[in-house]
Amino acid sequence: MAEPTADILVVDDDARLRALLQRFLAEQGHRVAVAGDAAEARAAIGAMAFDLLVLDVMMPGETGLELAEGLRRDGHDTPILMLTARGAPDDRVAGFEHGADDYLAKPFDPRELALRIRTILRRAAPAPSAAPMPSGPIQLGQRWFDAERCELRGPDGTQRLTGGEAALLSALARRAGEVLSREDIAVALGTPDAGERSVDVQVTRLRRKIELDPREPRFLHTIRHKGYVLRPGP
């Protein structure tokens, strides 16, 4: 099966790295645009729709973290892969907190970057061995989750989910009523090295969209020392 082809925007203030990534990703079959800072990135995002953003964290002026957070706040749901020279667990967690879907520390093997990009692009599609999604949209109170469209529909309209949020909700919905460990969730998201705190951050982000009161969840429950369980319903 052919690998998915995507429109990718690479944002990095290092001109040499930008050129290398543009050439490498183009060789992988992707269409690649580049930007040297957050302002150029915003202009590019305003001009066309991208399937993936690859953002450097440490840029002068507006950082990659600030750009990601601003895009999420403005309603952009394009998947984001963060690149950074800082690979400590707290730095990875910060990336997820600001809206990233995945995180890769520099220096990195370009083949790993290509693999992570493929994982992000495939995330919405269930693996052949995955349990099937329940037929039809999934009810979460007054909202309904449409896995095919990565949308939440409710009385306040339709809300798009990011790729990571949709993948997390899909993984939980496939095994609704079953407790999934953080390790299980990380594997299902294609980020087995993300760490427990990173999974917790992603769950917190998802709760803000599916729960009326994220502090008192009705649907996405924490099971102490075990993990998380989704219990759909009216």
C-alpha atoms as a PDB file:
ATOM      1  CA  MET A   1       0.000   0.000   0.000  1.00  0.00           C
ATOM      2  CA  ALA A   2       1.360   3.444  -0.928  1.00  0.00           C
ATOM      3  CA  GLU A   3       2.419   5.683   1.887  1.00  0.00           C
ATOM      4  CA  PRO A   4       0.240   8.744   2.499  1.00  0.00           C
ATOM      5  CA  THR A   5       1.388  11.945   0.813  1.00  0.00           C
ATOM      6  CA  ALA A   6       0.937  15.194   2.673  1.00  0.00           C
ATOM      7  CA  ASP A   7       1.294  18.942   2.437  1.00  0.00           C
ATOM      8  CA  ILE A   8       3.819  19.754   5.173  1.00  0.00           C
ATOM      9  CA  LEU A   9       5.028  23.082   6.531  1.00  0.00           C
ATOM     10  CA  VAL A  10       8.493  23.058   8.155  1.00  0.00           C
ATOM     11  CA  VAL A  11       9.149  26.010  10.484  1.00  0.00           C
ATOM     12  CA  ASP A  12      12.733  26.444  11.689  1.00  0.00           C
ATOM     13  CA  ASP A  13      15.053  29.428  11.961  1.00  0.00           C
ATOM     14  CA  ASP A  14      18.027  27.300  10.826  1.00  0.00           C
ATOM     15  CA  ALA A  15      18.140  27.786   7.053  1.00  0.00           C
ATOM     16  CA  ARG A  16      20.406  24.776   6.533  1.00  0.00           C
ATOM     17  CA  LEU A  17      18.109  22.436   8.469  1.00  0.00           C
ATOM     18  CA  ARG A  18      15.062  23.829   6.661  1.00  0.00           C
ATOM     19  CA  ALA A  19      16.637  23.037   3.307  1.00  0.00           C
ATOM     20  CA  LEU A  20      17.691  19.547   4.411  1.00  0.00           C
ATOM     21  CA  LEU A  21      14.239  18.713   5.733  1.00  0.00           C
ATOM     22  CA  GLN A  22      12.539  20.129   2.668  1.00  0.00           C
ATOM     23  CA  ARG A  23      14.669  18.005   0.361  1.00  0.00           C
ATOM     24  CA  PHE A  24      14.370  14.852   2.497  1.00  0.00           C
ATOM     25  CA  LEU A  25      10.598  15.061   2.915  1.00  0.00           C
ATOM     26  CA  ALA A  26      10.137  15.837  -0.773  1.00  0.00           C
ATOM     27  CA  GLU A  27      12.089  12.665  -1.536  1.00  0.00           C
ATOM     28  CA  GLN A  28       9.551  10.837   0.660  1.00  0.00           C
ATOM     29  CA  GLY A  29       6.821  12.024  -1.701  1.00  0.00           C
ATOM     30  CA  HIS A  30       5.488  14.940   0.347  1.00  0.00           C
ATOM     31  CA  ARG A  31       4.843  18.499  -0.810  1.00  0.00           C
ATOM     32  CA  VAL A  32       6.878  20.725   1.491  1.00  0.00           C
ATOM     33  CA  ALA A  33       6.795  24.442   2.252  1.00  0.00           C
ATOM     34  CA  VAL A  34       9.177  26.166   4.670  1.00  0.00           C
ATOM     35  CA  ALA A  35       9.116  29.172   6.987  1.00  0.00           C
ATOM     36  CA  GLY A  36      11.898  30.789   8.988  1.00  0.00           C
ATOM     37  CA  ASP A  37       9.839  32.090  11.895  1.00  0.00           C
ATOM     38  CA  ALA A  38       6.359  32.206  13.361  1.00  0.00           C
ATOM     39  CA  ALA A  39       5.283  35.224  11.292  1.00  0.00           C
ATOM     40  CA  GLU A  40       6.191  33.479   8.028  1.00  0.00           C
ATOM     41  CA  ALA A  41       4.449  30.335   9.293  1.00  0.00           C
ATOM     42  CA  ARG A  42       1.215  32.199  10.038  1.00  0.00           C
ATOM     43  CA  ALA A  43       1.262  33.733   6.556  1.00  0.00           C
ATOM     44  CA  ALA A  44       1.740  30.310   4.969  1.00  0.00           C
ATOM     45  CA  ILE A  45      -1.011  28.747   7.102  1.00  0.00           C
ATOM     46  CA  GLY A  46      -3.352  31.564   6.134  1.00  0.00           C
ATOM     47  CA  ALA A  47      -2.632  30.965   2.445  1.00  0.00           C
ATOM     48  CA  MET A  48      -3.189  27.197   2.275  1.00  0.00           C
ATOM     49  CA  ALA A  49      -4.235  24.161   4.279  1.00  0.00           C
ATOM     50  CA  PHE A  50      -1.474  21.849   5.512  1.00  0.00           C
ATOM     51  CA  ASP A  51      -1.757  18.243   6.650  1.00  0.00           C
ATOM     52  CA  LEU A  52       1.112  18.579   9.139  1.00  0.00           C
ATOM     53  CA  LEU A  53       3.209  21.311  10.775  1.00  0.00           C
ATOM     54  CA  VAL A  54       6.795  20.565  11.813  1.00  0.00           C
ATOM     55  CA  LEU A  55       7.765  23.275  14.309  1.00  0.00           C
ATOM     56  CA  ASP A  56      11.107  24.053  15.897  1.00  0.00           C
ATOM     57  CA  VAL A  57      10.634  24.972  19.541  1.00  0.00           C
ATOM     58  CA  MET A  58      13.521  27.385  20.078  1.00  0.00           C
ATOM     59  CA  MET A  59      12.959  30.178  17.562  1.00  0.00           C
ATOM     60  CA  PRO A  60      13.704  33.873  18.145  1.00  0.00           C
ATOM     61  CA  GLY A  61      10.666  35.992  18.856  1.00  0.00           C
ATOM     62  CA  GLU A  62       7.578  33.806  19.022  1.00  0.00           C
ATOM     63  CA  THR A  63       8.702  30.284  19.923  1.00  0.00           C
ATOM     64  CA  GLY A  64       7.329  27.102  18.433  1.00  0.00           C
ATOM     65  CA  LEU A  65       5.475  26.421  21.683  1.00  0.00           C
ATOM     66  CA  GLU A  66       3.829  29.841  21.572  1.00  0.00           C
ATOM     67  CA  LEU A  67       2.961  29.418  17.900  1.00  0.00           C
ATOM     68  CA  ALA A  68       1.387  26.006  18.541  1.00  0.00           C
ATOM     69  CA  GLU A  69      -0.606  27.309  21.483  1.00  0.00           C
ATOM     70  CA  GLY A  70      -1.808  30.291  19.473  1.00  0.00           C
ATOM     71  CA  LEU A  71      -2.881  28.121  16.548  1.00  0.00           C
ATOM     72  CA  ARG A  72      -4.854  25.818  18.829  1.00  0.00           C
ATOM     73  CA  ARG A  73      -6.457  28.799  20.527  1.00  0.00           C
ATOM     74  CA  ASP A  74      -7.492  30.127  17.108  1.00  0.00           C
ATOM     75  CA  GLY A  75      -9.149  26.817  16.266  1.00  0.00           C
ATOM     76  CA  HIS A  76      -6.496  25.271  13.979  1.00  0.00           C
ATOM     77  CA  ASP A  77      -6.524  21.477  14.299  1.00  0.00           C
ATOM     78  CA  THR A  78      -3.629  20.620  11.955  1.00  0.00           C
ATOM     79  CA  PRO A  79      -1.361  17.971  13.544  1.00  0.00           C
ATOM     80  CA  ILE A  80       1.869  19.402  14.963  1.00  0.00           C
ATOM     81  CA  LEU A  81       5.207  17.649  15.325  1.00  0.00           C
ATOM     82  CA  MET A  82       7.648  19.553  17.551  1.00  0.00           C
ATOM     83  CA  LEU A  83      11.407  19.529  16.947  1.00  0.00           C
ATOM     84  CA  THR A  84      13.666  20.621  19.783  1.00  0.00           C
ATOM     85  CA  ALA A  85      17.183  20.385  21.111  1.00  0.00           C
ATOM     86  CA  ARG A  86      15.671  19.893  24.571  1.00  0.00           C
ATOM     87  CA  GLY A  87      14.524  16.310  25.037  1.00  0.00           C
ATOM     88  CA  ALA A  88      13.904  16.056  28.792  1.00  0.00           C
ATOM     89  CA  PRO A  89      10.526  14.620  29.860  1.00  0.00           C
ATOM     90  CA  ASP A  90       9.354  18.013  31.146  1.00  0.00           C
ATOM     91  CA  ASP A  91      10.103  19.537  27.739  1.00  0.00           C
ATOM     92  CA  ARG A  92       8.072  16.833  25.980  1.00  0.00           C
ATOM     93  CA  VAL A  93       5.182  17.421  28.362  1.00  0.00           C
ATOM     94  CA  ALA A  94       5.367  21.167  27.662  1.00  0.00           C
ATOM     95  CA  GLY A  95       5.066  20.424  23.960  1.00  0.00           C
ATOM     96  CA  PHE A  96       1.908  18.380  24.462  1.00  0.00           C
ATOM     97  CA  GLU A  97       0.486  21.011  26.815  1.00  0.00           C
ATOM     98  CA  HIS A  98       0.893  23.634  24.100  1.00  0.00           C
ATOM     99  CA  GLY A  99      -0.942  21.528  21.512  1.00  0.00           C
ATOM    100  CA  ALA A 100       1.677  19.266  19.911  1.00  0.00           C
ATOM    101  CA  ASP A 101       0.700  15.810  18.675  1.00  0.00           C
ATOM    102  CA  ASP A 102       4.232  14.406  18.776  1.00  0.00           C
ATOM    103  CA  TYR A 103       7.718  15.474  19.819  1.00  0.00           C
ATOM    104  CA  LEU A 104      11.176  14.669  18.417  1.00  0.00           C
ATOM    105  CA  ALA A 105      14.438  15.715  20.052  1.00  0.00           C
ATOM    106  CA  LYS A 106      17.424  16.975  18.042  1.00  0.00           C
ATOM    107  CA  PRO A 107      19.664  15.574  16.759  1.00  0.00           C
ATOM    108  CA  PHE A 108      17.467  12.964  15.123  1.00  0.00           C
ATOM    109  CA  ASP A 109      17.729  10.384  12.394  1.00  0.00           C
ATOM    110  CA  PRO A 110      15.722  11.595   9.370  1.00  0.00           C
ATOM    111  CA  ARG A 111      14.309   8.093   9.074  1.00  0.00           C
ATOM    112  CA  GLU A 112      12.747   8.470  12.524  1.00  0.00           C
ATOM    113  CA  LEU A 113      11.230  11.781  11.456  1.00  0.00           C
ATOM    114  CA  ALA A 114       9.739  10.078   8.383  1.00  0.00           C
ATOM    115  CA  LEU A 115       8.371   7.275  10.559  1.00  0.00           C
ATOM    116  CA  ARG A 116       6.749   9.681  13.009  1.00  0.00           C
ATOM    117  CA  ILE A 117       5.198  11.635  10.144  1.00  0.00           C
ATOM    118  CA  ARG A 118       3.746   8.446   8.678  1.00  0.00           C
ATOM    119  CA  THR A 119       2.379   7.546  12.112  1.00  0.00           C
ATOM    120  CA  ILE A 120       0.693  10.929  12.516  1.00  0.00           C
ATOM    121  CA  LEU A 121      -0.827  10.779   9.039  1.00  0.00           C
ATOM    122  CA  ARG A 122      -2.144   7.255   9.593  1.00  0.00           C
ATOM    123  CA  ARG A 123      -3.396   7.899  13.105  1.00  0.00           C
ATOM    124  CA  ALA A 124      -7.023   8.431  12.209  1.00  0.00           C
ATOM    125  CA  ALA A 125      -7.196   5.091  10.376  1.00  0.00           C
ATOM    126  CA  PRO A 126      -7.453   1.974  12.592  1.00  0.00           C
ATOM    127  CA  ALA A 127      -4.714  -0.602  12.257  1.00  0.00           C
ATOM    128  CA  PRO A 128      -5.832  -3.939  10.772  1.00  0.00           C
ATOM    129  CA  SER A 129      -5.533  -5.582  14.186  1.00  0.00           C
ATOM    130  CA  ALA A 130      -7.412  -2.837  16.007  1.00  0.00           C
ATOM    131  CA  ALA A 131     -10.868  -3.441  17.353  1.00  0.00           C
ATOM    132  CA  PRO A 132     -13.513  -1.924  15.060  1.00  0.00           C
ATOM    133  CA  MET A 133     -15.139   1.352  15.919  1.00  0.00           C
ATOM    134  CA  PRO A 134     -18.738   1.071  17.114  1.00  0.00           C
ATOM    135  CA  SER A 135     -21.098   1.621  14.190  1.00  0.00           C
ATOM    136  CA  GLY A 136     -22.274   5.188  13.870  1.00  0.00           C
ATOM    137  CA  PRO A 137     -21.392   8.235  15.976  1.00  0.00           C
ATOM    138  CA  ILE A 138     -20.659   7.755  19.672  1.00  0.00           C
ATOM    139  CA  GLN A 139     -22.841   9.616  22.165  1.00  0.00           C
ATOM    140  CA  LEU A 140     -21.163  11.641  24.896  1.00  0.00           C
ATOM    141  CA  GLY A 141     -24.052  13.363  26.601  1.00  0.00           C
ATOM    142  CA  GLN A 142     -25.340  16.052  24.248  1.00  0.00           C
ATOM    143  CA  ARG A 143     -22.359  15.578  21.950  1.00  0.00           C
ATOM    144  CA  TRP A 144     -21.707  12.919  19.311  1.00  0.00           C
ATOM    145  CA  PHE A 145     -18.236  11.827  18.149  1.00  0.00           C
ATOM    146  CA  ASP A 146     -17.907  11.070  14.431  1.00  0.00           C
ATOM    147  CA  ALA A 147     -14.644   9.133  14.071  1.00  0.00           C
ATOM    148  CA  GLU A 148     -14.591   9.321  10.271  1.00  0.00           C
ATOM    149  CA  ARG A 149     -14.814  13.113  10.268  1.00  0.00           C
ATOM    150  CA  CYS A 150     -12.837  13.631  13.512  1.00  0.00           C
ATOM    151  CA  GLU A 151     -15.674  15.831  14.710  1.00  0.00           C
ATOM    152  CA  LEU A 152     -17.718  16.410  17.827  1.00  0.00           C
ATOM    153  CA  ARG A 153     -21.276  17.491  17.081  1.00  0.00           C
ATOM    154  CA  GLY A 154     -23.510  19.044  19.682  1.00  0.00           C
ATOM    155  CA  PRO A 155     -26.026  21.774  20.447  1.00  0.00           C
ATOM    156  CA  ASP A 156     -23.248  24.364  20.209  1.00  0.00           C
ATOM    157  CA  GLY A 157     -22.288  23.258  16.687  1.00  0.00           C
ATOM    158  CA  THR A 158     -19.518  21.130  15.227  1.00  0.00           C
ATOM    159  CA  GLN A 159     -16.071  21.088  16.800  1.00  0.00           C
ATOM    160  CA  ARG A 160     -13.028  19.722  15.041  1.00  0.00           C
ATOM    161  CA  LEU A 161     -10.563  17.578  16.963  1.00  0.00           C
ATOM    162  CA  THR A 162      -6.823  17.574  16.380  1.00  0.00           C
ATOM    163  CA  GLY A 163      -5.314  14.393  14.978  1.00  0.00           C
ATOM    164  CA  GLY A 164      -4.002  13.425  18.407  1.00  0.00           C
ATOM    165  CA  GLU A 165      -7.322  14.106  20.135  1.00  0.00           C
ATOM    166  CA  ALA A 166      -9.283  12.122  17.550  1.00  0.00           C
ATOM    167  CA  ALA A 167      -6.817   9.231  17.748  1.00  0.00           C
ATOM    168  CA  LEU A 168      -7.058   9.162  21.548  1.00  0.00           C
ATOM    169  CA  LEU A 169     -10.853   9.252  21.551  1.00  0.00           C
ATOM    170  CA  SER A 170     -10.991   6.590  18.824  1.00  0.00           C
ATOM    171  CA  ALA A 171      -8.641   4.294  20.758  1.00  0.00           C
ATOM    172  CA  LEU A 172     -10.750   4.636  23.898  1.00  0.00           C
ATOM    173  CA  ALA A 173     -14.023   4.207  21.972  1.00  0.00           C
ATOM    174  CA  ARG A 174     -12.862   0.978  20.342  1.00  0.00           C
ATOM    175  CA  ARG A 175     -12.517  -0.475  23.820  1.00  0.00           C
ATOM    176  CA  ALA A 176     -15.274   1.479  25.554  1.00  0.00           C
ATOM    177  CA  GLY A 177     -15.877   0.306  29.099  1.00  0.00           C
ATOM    178  CA  GLU A 178     -12.410  -1.269  29.280  1.00  0.00           C
ATOM    179  CA  VAL A 179      -9.606   0.282  31.310  1.00  0.00           C
ATOM    180  CA  LEU A 180      -6.590   1.155  29.159  1.00  0.00           C
ATOM    181  CA  SER A 181      -3.232   1.687  30.803  1.00  0.00           C
ATOM    182  CA  ARG A 182      -1.177   4.735  29.891  1.00  0.00           C
ATOM    183  CA  GLU A 183       1.234   2.399  28.110  1.00  0.00           C
ATOM    184  CA  ASP A 184      -1.622   0.940  26.040  1.00  0.00           C
ATOM    185  CA  ILE A 185      -2.777   4.427  25.105  1.00  0.00           C
ATOM    186  CA  ALA A 186       0.717   5.580  24.125  1.00  0.00           C
ATOM    187  CA  VAL A 187       1.111   2.545  21.859  1.00  0.00           C
ATOM    188  CA  ALA A 188      -2.326   3.136  20.309  1.00  0.00           C
ATOM    189  CA  LEU A 189      -1.321   6.728  19.558  1.00  0.00           C
ATOM    190  CA  GLY A 190       1.912   5.597  17.929  1.00  0.00           C
ATOM    191  CA  THR A 191       4.037   7.347  20.579  1.00  0.00           C
ATOM    192  CA  PRO A 192       5.209   4.480  22.837  1.00  0.00           C
ATOM    193  CA  ASP A 193       8.051   6.587  24.270  1.00  0.00           C
ATOM    194  CA  ALA A 194       5.847   9.556  25.161  1.00  0.00           C
ATOM    195  CA  GLY A 195       5.741   8.770  28.891  1.00  0.00           C
ATOM    196  CA  GLU A 196       2.881   8.670  31.378  1.00  0.00           C
ATOM    197  CA  ARG A 197       2.727  12.422  31.993  1.00  0.00           C
ATOM    198  CA  SER A 198       2.436  13.083  28.269  1.00  0.00           C
ATOM    199  CA  VAL A 199      -0.549  10.739  28.072  1.00  0.00           C
ATOM    200  CA  ASP A 200      -2.121  12.507  31.048  1.00  0.00           C
ATOM    201  CA  VAL A 201      -1.716  15.850  29.276  1.00  0.00           C
ATOM    202  CA  GLN A 202      -3.394  14.520  26.136  1.00  0.00           C
ATOM    203  CA  VAL A 203      -6.284  13.154  28.205  1.00  0.00           C
ATOM    204  CA  THR A 204      -6.660  16.550  29.904  1.00  0.00           C
ATOM    205  CA  ARG A 205      -6.833  18.275  26.508  1.00  0.00           C
ATOM    206  CA  LEU A 206      -9.483  15.847  25.296  1.00  0.00           C
ATOM    207  CA  ARG A 207     -11.592  16.245  28.438  1.00  0.00           C
ATOM    208  CA  ARG A 208     -11.817  19.986  27.806  1.00  0.00           C
ATOM    209  CA  LYS A 209     -13.679  19.187  24.588  1.00  0.00           C
ATOM    210  CA  ILE A 210     -15.930  16.279  25.575  1.00  0.00           C
ATOM    211  CA  GLU A 211     -16.818  17.080  29.194  1.00  0.00           C
ATOM    212  CA  LEU A 212     -19.081  19.842  30.472  1.00  0.00           C
ATOM    213  CA  ASP A 213     -16.887  20.001  33.595  1.00  0.00           C
ATOM    214  CA  PRO A 214     -13.435  18.468  32.969  1.00  0.00           C
ATOM    215  CA  ARG A 215     -12.806  18.420  36.735  1.00  0.00           C
ATOM    216  CA  GLU A 216     -15.831  16.134  37.215  1.00  0.00           C
ATOM    217  CA  PRO A 217     -15.740  13.920  34.104  1.00  0.00           C
ATOM    218  CA  ARG A 218     -18.825  11.927  33.142  1.00  0.00           C
ATOM    219  CA  PHE A 219     -17.358   9.983  30.238  1.00  0.00           C
ATOM    220  CA  LEU A 220     -13.550   9.819  30.377  1.00  0.00           C
ATOM    221  CA  HIS A 221     -12.672   8.464  33.812  1.00  0.00           C
ATOM    222  CA  THR A 222      -9.348   8.034  35.589  1.00  0.00           C
ATOM    223  CA  ILE A 223      -8.934   4.640  37.243  1.00  0.00           C
ATOM    224  CA  ARG A 224      -6.329   5.111  39.922  1.00  0.00           C
ATOM    225  CA  HIS A 225      -3.085   3.191  39.371  1.00  0.00           C
ATOM    226  CA  LYS A 226      -4.568   1.581  36.259  1.00  0.00           C
ATOM    227  CA  GLY A 227      -5.295   4.112  33.523  1.00  0.00           C
ATOM    228  CA  TYR A 228      -8.354   5.516  31.785  1.00  0.00           C
ATOM    229  CA  VAL A 229     -11.751   4.256  30.616  1.00  0.00           C
ATOM    230  CA  LEU A 230     -14.333   5.793  28.287  1.00  0.00           C
ATOM    231  CA  ARG A 231     -17.965   5.231  29.217  1.00  0.00           C
ATOM    232  CA  PRO A 232     -20.150   6.731  26.460  1.00  0.00           C
ATOM    233  CA  GLY A 233     -23.804   7.437  27.063  1.00  0.00           C
ATOM    234  CA  PRO A 234     -26.542  10.055  27.290  1.00  0.00           C
END
